Amino acid sequence: MTKPAGSAAGNTVSPPTYLTLEQVAQITEQSVMTIRRRIADGTLPAYRFGGRNIRIKLDDLEAAARRIPNAGTG
């Protein structure tokens, strides 16, 4: 008998974490309006759940961050 995919110990896949605009604003220390602008200009992907609920995946938020190069890196 075979096991369903992802059922083996250590192979479980957790669902993505979705954040509200307010949570993203607090994490990034930006205003909700700035987060909305980033969504509108396409630099931050967002998802709509239901009529008005907008959420952002934690992974997308982390991917949107850009590293600032320093003099030692090229």
C-alpha atoms as a PDB file:
ATOM      1  CA  MET A   1       0.000   0.000   0.000  1.00  0.00           C
ATOM      2  CA  THR A   2       1.388   3.413  -0.917  1.00  0.00           C
ATOM      3  CA  LYS A   3       1.231   6.503   1.232  1.00  0.00           C
ATOM      4  CA  PRO A   4      -0.259   9.747  -0.103  1.00  0.00           C
ATOM      5  CA  ALA A   5       2.255  12.344  -1.209  1.00  0.00           C
ATOM      6  CA  GLY A   6       3.524  14.463   1.663  1.00  0.00           C
ATOM      7  CA  SER A   7       2.414  12.015   4.332  1.00  0.00           C
ATOM      8  CA  ALA A   8       5.880  10.766   5.275  1.00  0.00           C
ATOM      9  CA  ALA A   9       7.407  12.287   8.388  1.00  0.00           C
ATOM     10  CA  GLY A  10       9.200  15.524   7.564  1.00  0.00           C
ATOM     11  CA  ASN A  11       7.616  15.837   4.122  1.00  0.00           C
ATOM     12  CA  THR A  12       4.559  17.844   5.074  1.00  0.00           C
ATOM     13  CA  VAL A  13       4.007  21.095   3.228  1.00  0.00           C
ATOM     14  CA  SER A  14       2.668  23.966   5.260  1.00  0.00           C
ATOM     15  CA  PRO A  15       0.181  26.337   3.646  1.00  0.00           C
ATOM     16  CA  PRO A  16       1.422  29.823   2.756  1.00  0.00           C
ATOM     17  CA  THR A  17       1.129  32.528   5.383  1.00  0.00           C
ATOM     18  CA  TYR A  18      -1.059  35.446   4.301  1.00  0.00           C
ATOM     19  CA  LEU A  19      -0.774  38.857   5.962  1.00  0.00           C
ATOM     20  CA  THR A  20      -3.188  41.790   6.070  1.00  0.00           C
ATOM     21  CA  LEU A  21      -2.155  45.189   4.737  1.00  0.00           C
ATOM     22  CA  GLU A  22      -1.943  46.439   8.303  1.00  0.00           C
ATOM     23  CA  GLN A  23       0.383  43.594   9.304  1.00  0.00           C
ATOM     24  CA  VAL A  24       2.629  44.238   6.285  1.00  0.00           C
ATOM     25  CA  ALA A  25       2.705  47.962   7.082  1.00  0.00           C
ATOM     26  CA  GLN A  26       3.716  47.230  10.665  1.00  0.00           C
ATOM     27  CA  ILE A  27       6.407  44.711   9.655  1.00  0.00           C
ATOM     28  CA  THR A  28       7.938  47.026   7.032  1.00  0.00           C
ATOM     29  CA  GLU A  29       7.401  50.207   9.075  1.00  0.00           C
ATOM     30  CA  GLN A  30       5.532  51.793   6.158  1.00  0.00           C
ATOM     31  CA  SER A  31       2.018  53.173   5.924  1.00  0.00           C
ATOM     32  CA  VAL A  32      -0.897  51.122   4.620  1.00  0.00           C
ATOM     33  CA  MET A  33      -1.154  53.663   1.777  1.00  0.00           C
ATOM     34  CA  THR A  34       2.468  52.935   0.777  1.00  0.00           C
ATOM     35  CA  ILE A  35       1.714  49.202   0.763  1.00  0.00           C
ATOM     36  CA  ARG A  36      -1.332  49.874  -1.433  1.00  0.00           C
ATOM     37  CA  ARG A  37       0.861  51.914  -3.823  1.00  0.00           C
ATOM     38  CA  ARG A  38       3.392  49.080  -4.036  1.00  0.00           C
ATOM     39  CA  ILE A  39       0.558  46.675  -4.876  1.00  0.00           C
ATOM     40  CA  ALA A  40      -0.801  49.078  -7.511  1.00  0.00           C
ATOM     41  CA  ASP A  41       2.586  49.557  -9.194  1.00  0.00           C
ATOM     42  CA  GLY A  42       3.232  45.803  -9.240  1.00  0.00           C
ATOM     43  CA  THR A  43       6.250  45.701  -6.930  1.00  0.00           C
ATOM     44  CA  LEU A  44       4.333  43.731  -4.281  1.00  0.00           C
ATOM     45  CA  PRO A  45       2.009  40.892  -5.342  1.00  0.00           C
ATOM     46  CA  ALA A  46      -1.304  40.707  -3.482  1.00  0.00           C
ATOM     47  CA  TYR A  47      -4.325  38.418  -3.449  1.00  0.00           C
ATOM     48  CA  ARG A  48      -8.002  39.200  -2.968  1.00  0.00           C
ATOM     49  CA  PHE A  49     -10.105  36.920  -0.804  1.00  0.00           C
ATOM     50  CA  GLY A  50     -13.812  37.560  -1.071  1.00  0.00           C
ATOM     51  CA  GLY A  51     -15.048  41.027  -1.855  1.00  0.00           C
ATOM     52  CA  ARG A  52     -12.605  43.369  -0.150  1.00  0.00           C
ATOM     53  CA  ASN A  53     -10.067  41.289   1.761  1.00  0.00           C
ATOM     54  CA  ILE A  54      -6.568  41.832   0.372  1.00  0.00           C
ATOM     55  CA  ARG A  55      -3.735  39.652   1.625  1.00  0.00           C
ATOM     56  CA  ILE A  56      -0.016  39.391   0.893  1.00  0.00           C
ATOM     57  CA  LYS A  57       1.975  36.163   1.106  1.00  0.00           C
ATOM     58  CA  LEU A  58       4.832  36.349   3.573  1.00  0.00           C
ATOM     59  CA  ASP A  59       7.102  34.750   0.941  1.00  0.00           C
ATOM     60  CA  ASP A  60       6.186  37.499  -1.575  1.00  0.00           C
ATOM     61  CA  LEU A  61       6.922  40.186   1.009  1.00  0.00           C
ATOM     62  CA  GLU A  62      10.326  38.681   1.724  1.00  0.00           C
ATOM     63  CA  ALA A  63      11.049  38.361  -2.012  1.00  0.00           C
ATOM     64  CA  ALA A  64      10.171  42.029  -2.587  1.00  0.00           C
ATOM     65  CA  ALA A  65      12.971  43.163  -0.282  1.00  0.00           C
ATOM     66  CA  ARG A  66      16.158  44.167  -2.052  1.00  0.00           C
ATOM     67  CA  ARG A  67      19.584  43.861  -0.511  1.00  0.00           C
ATOM     68  CA  ILE A  68      21.576  47.060  -0.407  1.00  0.00           C
ATOM     69  CA  PRO A  69      25.094  46.435  -1.708  1.00  0.00           C
ATOM     70  CA  ASN A  70      28.025  47.713   0.308  1.00  0.00           C
ATOM     71  CA  ALA A  71      31.512  48.683  -0.778  1.00  0.00           C
ATOM     72  CA  GLY A  72      32.836  45.181  -0.123  1.00  0.00           C
ATOM     73  CA  THR A  73      30.428  43.410  -2.492  1.00  0.00           C
ATOM     74  CA  GLY A  74      30.209  43.865  -6.179  1.00  0.00           C
END
